[in-house]
Amino acid sequence: MFVCGNQACGARWEPDEVQIRNEGQGPVFRCPQCGARNYVEARTARDGTTVYRQVAAKPAAR
């Protein structure tokens, strides 16, 4: 389950309800409800499938 990091939204999504893509800063999903960018981390499971885990937002570049 993924949760939108936008404080005003906070919607919950199943992995099959979001599209995960790399927008140049690593894998992210955009909340289907508000469009906020939410970061995920890719891991390879023992059976060879890719599993995604939500991680905290990355700090802005200076």
C-alpha atoms as a PDB file:
ATOM      1  CA  MET A   1       0.000   0.000   0.000  1.00  0.00           C
ATOM      2  CA  PHE A   2       1.270   3.460  -0.911  1.00  0.00           C
ATOM      3  CA  VAL A   3       0.171   6.685   0.790  1.00  0.00           C
ATOM      4  CA  CYS A   4       0.306  10.096  -0.871  1.00  0.00           C
ATOM      5  CA  GLY A   5       2.880  12.258   0.905  1.00  0.00           C
ATOM      6  CA  ASN A   6       0.927  15.451   0.193  1.00  0.00           C
ATOM      7  CA  GLN A   7      -0.366  16.445   3.625  1.00  0.00           C
ATOM      8  CA  ALA A   8      -3.627  17.813   2.204  1.00  0.00           C
ATOM      9  CA  CYS A   9      -4.312  14.593   0.255  1.00  0.00           C
ATOM     10  CA  GLY A  10      -3.056  11.492   2.113  1.00  0.00           C
ATOM     11  CA  ALA A  11      -4.891   9.108  -0.257  1.00  0.00           C
ATOM     12  CA  ARG A  12      -4.019   5.405  -0.053  1.00  0.00           C
ATOM     13  CA  TRP A  13      -3.284   3.383  -3.175  1.00  0.00           C
ATOM     14  CA  GLU A  14      -2.628  -0.271  -3.938  1.00  0.00           C
ATOM     15  CA  PRO A  15       0.494  -0.936  -6.052  1.00  0.00           C
ATOM     16  CA  ASP A  16      -1.620  -1.889  -9.082  1.00  0.00           C
ATOM     17  CA  GLU A  17      -3.441   1.480  -8.927  1.00  0.00           C
ATOM     18  CA  VAL A  18      -0.352   3.639  -9.569  1.00  0.00           C
ATOM     19  CA  GLN A  19       2.240   3.900 -12.349  1.00  0.00           C
ATOM     20  CA  ILE A  20       5.843   3.872 -11.193  1.00  0.00           C
ATOM     21  CA  ARG A  21       8.344   5.594 -13.471  1.00  0.00           C
ATOM     22  CA  ASN A  22      11.702   7.291 -13.386  1.00  0.00           C
ATOM     23  CA  GLU A  23      11.305  11.043 -13.900  1.00  0.00           C
ATOM     24  CA  GLY A  24      15.044  11.706 -13.676  1.00  0.00           C
ATOM     25  CA  GLN A  25      15.310  11.640  -9.872  1.00  0.00           C
ATOM     26  CA  GLY A  26      14.732   7.934  -9.328  1.00  0.00           C
ATOM     27  CA  PRO A  27      11.525   5.888  -9.323  1.00  0.00           C
ATOM     28  CA  VAL A  28       8.379   7.766  -8.309  1.00  0.00           C
ATOM     29  CA  PHE A  29       4.620   7.422  -8.521  1.00  0.00           C
ATOM     30  CA  ARG A  30       2.334  10.380  -8.964  1.00  0.00           C
ATOM     31  CA  CYS A  31      -0.775  10.367  -6.822  1.00  0.00           C
ATOM     32  CA  PRO A  32      -3.741   9.741  -9.155  1.00  0.00           C
ATOM     33  CA  GLN A  33      -5.851  12.105  -7.040  1.00  0.00           C
ATOM     34  CA  CYS A  34      -3.622  15.179  -6.588  1.00  0.00           C
ATOM     35  CA  GLY A  35      -0.582  14.549  -8.829  1.00  0.00           C
ATOM     36  CA  ALA A  36       2.001  14.798  -6.029  1.00  0.00           C
ATOM     37  CA  ARG A  37       5.340  13.072  -6.623  1.00  0.00           C
ATOM     38  CA  ASN A  38       6.024  10.220  -4.173  1.00  0.00           C
ATOM     39  CA  TYR A  39       9.373   8.412  -4.103  1.00  0.00           C
ATOM     40  CA  VAL A  40       9.759   4.636  -4.092  1.00  0.00           C
ATOM     41  CA  GLU A  41      12.689   2.249  -3.912  1.00  0.00           C
ATOM     42  CA  ALA A  42      12.957  -0.797  -6.183  1.00  0.00           C
ATOM     43  CA  ARG A  43      14.072  -4.160  -4.815  1.00  0.00           C
ATOM     44  CA  THR A  44      14.335  -7.538  -6.498  1.00  0.00           C
ATOM     45  CA  ALA A  45      12.450 -10.259  -4.641  1.00  0.00           C
ATOM     46  CA  ARG A  46      13.783 -13.807  -4.330  1.00  0.00           C
ATOM     47  CA  ASP A  47      11.463 -14.956  -7.100  1.00  0.00           C
ATOM     48  CA  GLY A  48      12.955 -12.334  -9.447  1.00  0.00           C
ATOM     49  CA  THR A  49      10.043  -9.890  -9.437  1.00  0.00           C
ATOM     50  CA  THR A  50      10.557  -6.189  -8.745  1.00  0.00           C
ATOM     51  CA  VAL A  51       8.973  -4.960  -5.518  1.00  0.00           C
ATOM     52  CA  TYR A  52       8.566  -1.269  -4.699  1.00  0.00           C
ATOM     53  CA  ARG A  53       8.652   0.289  -1.241  1.00  0.00           C
ATOM     54  CA  GLN A  54       7.706   3.890  -0.514  1.00  0.00           C
ATOM     55  CA  VAL A  55      10.506   6.035   0.934  1.00  0.00           C
ATOM     56  CA  ALA A  56      10.654   9.527   2.426  1.00  0.00           C
ATOM     57  CA  ALA A  57      10.880  12.467   0.029  1.00  0.00           C
ATOM     58  CA  LYS A  58      14.357  13.342  -1.180  1.00  0.00           C
ATOM     59  CA  PRO A  59      15.703  16.740  -0.114  1.00  0.00           C
ATOM     60  CA  ALA A  60      15.709  19.457  -2.764  1.00  0.00           C
ATOM     61  CA  ALA A  61      18.980  20.066  -4.599  1.00  0.00           C
ATOM     62  CA  ARG A  62      20.778  23.292  -3.715  1.00  0.00           C
END
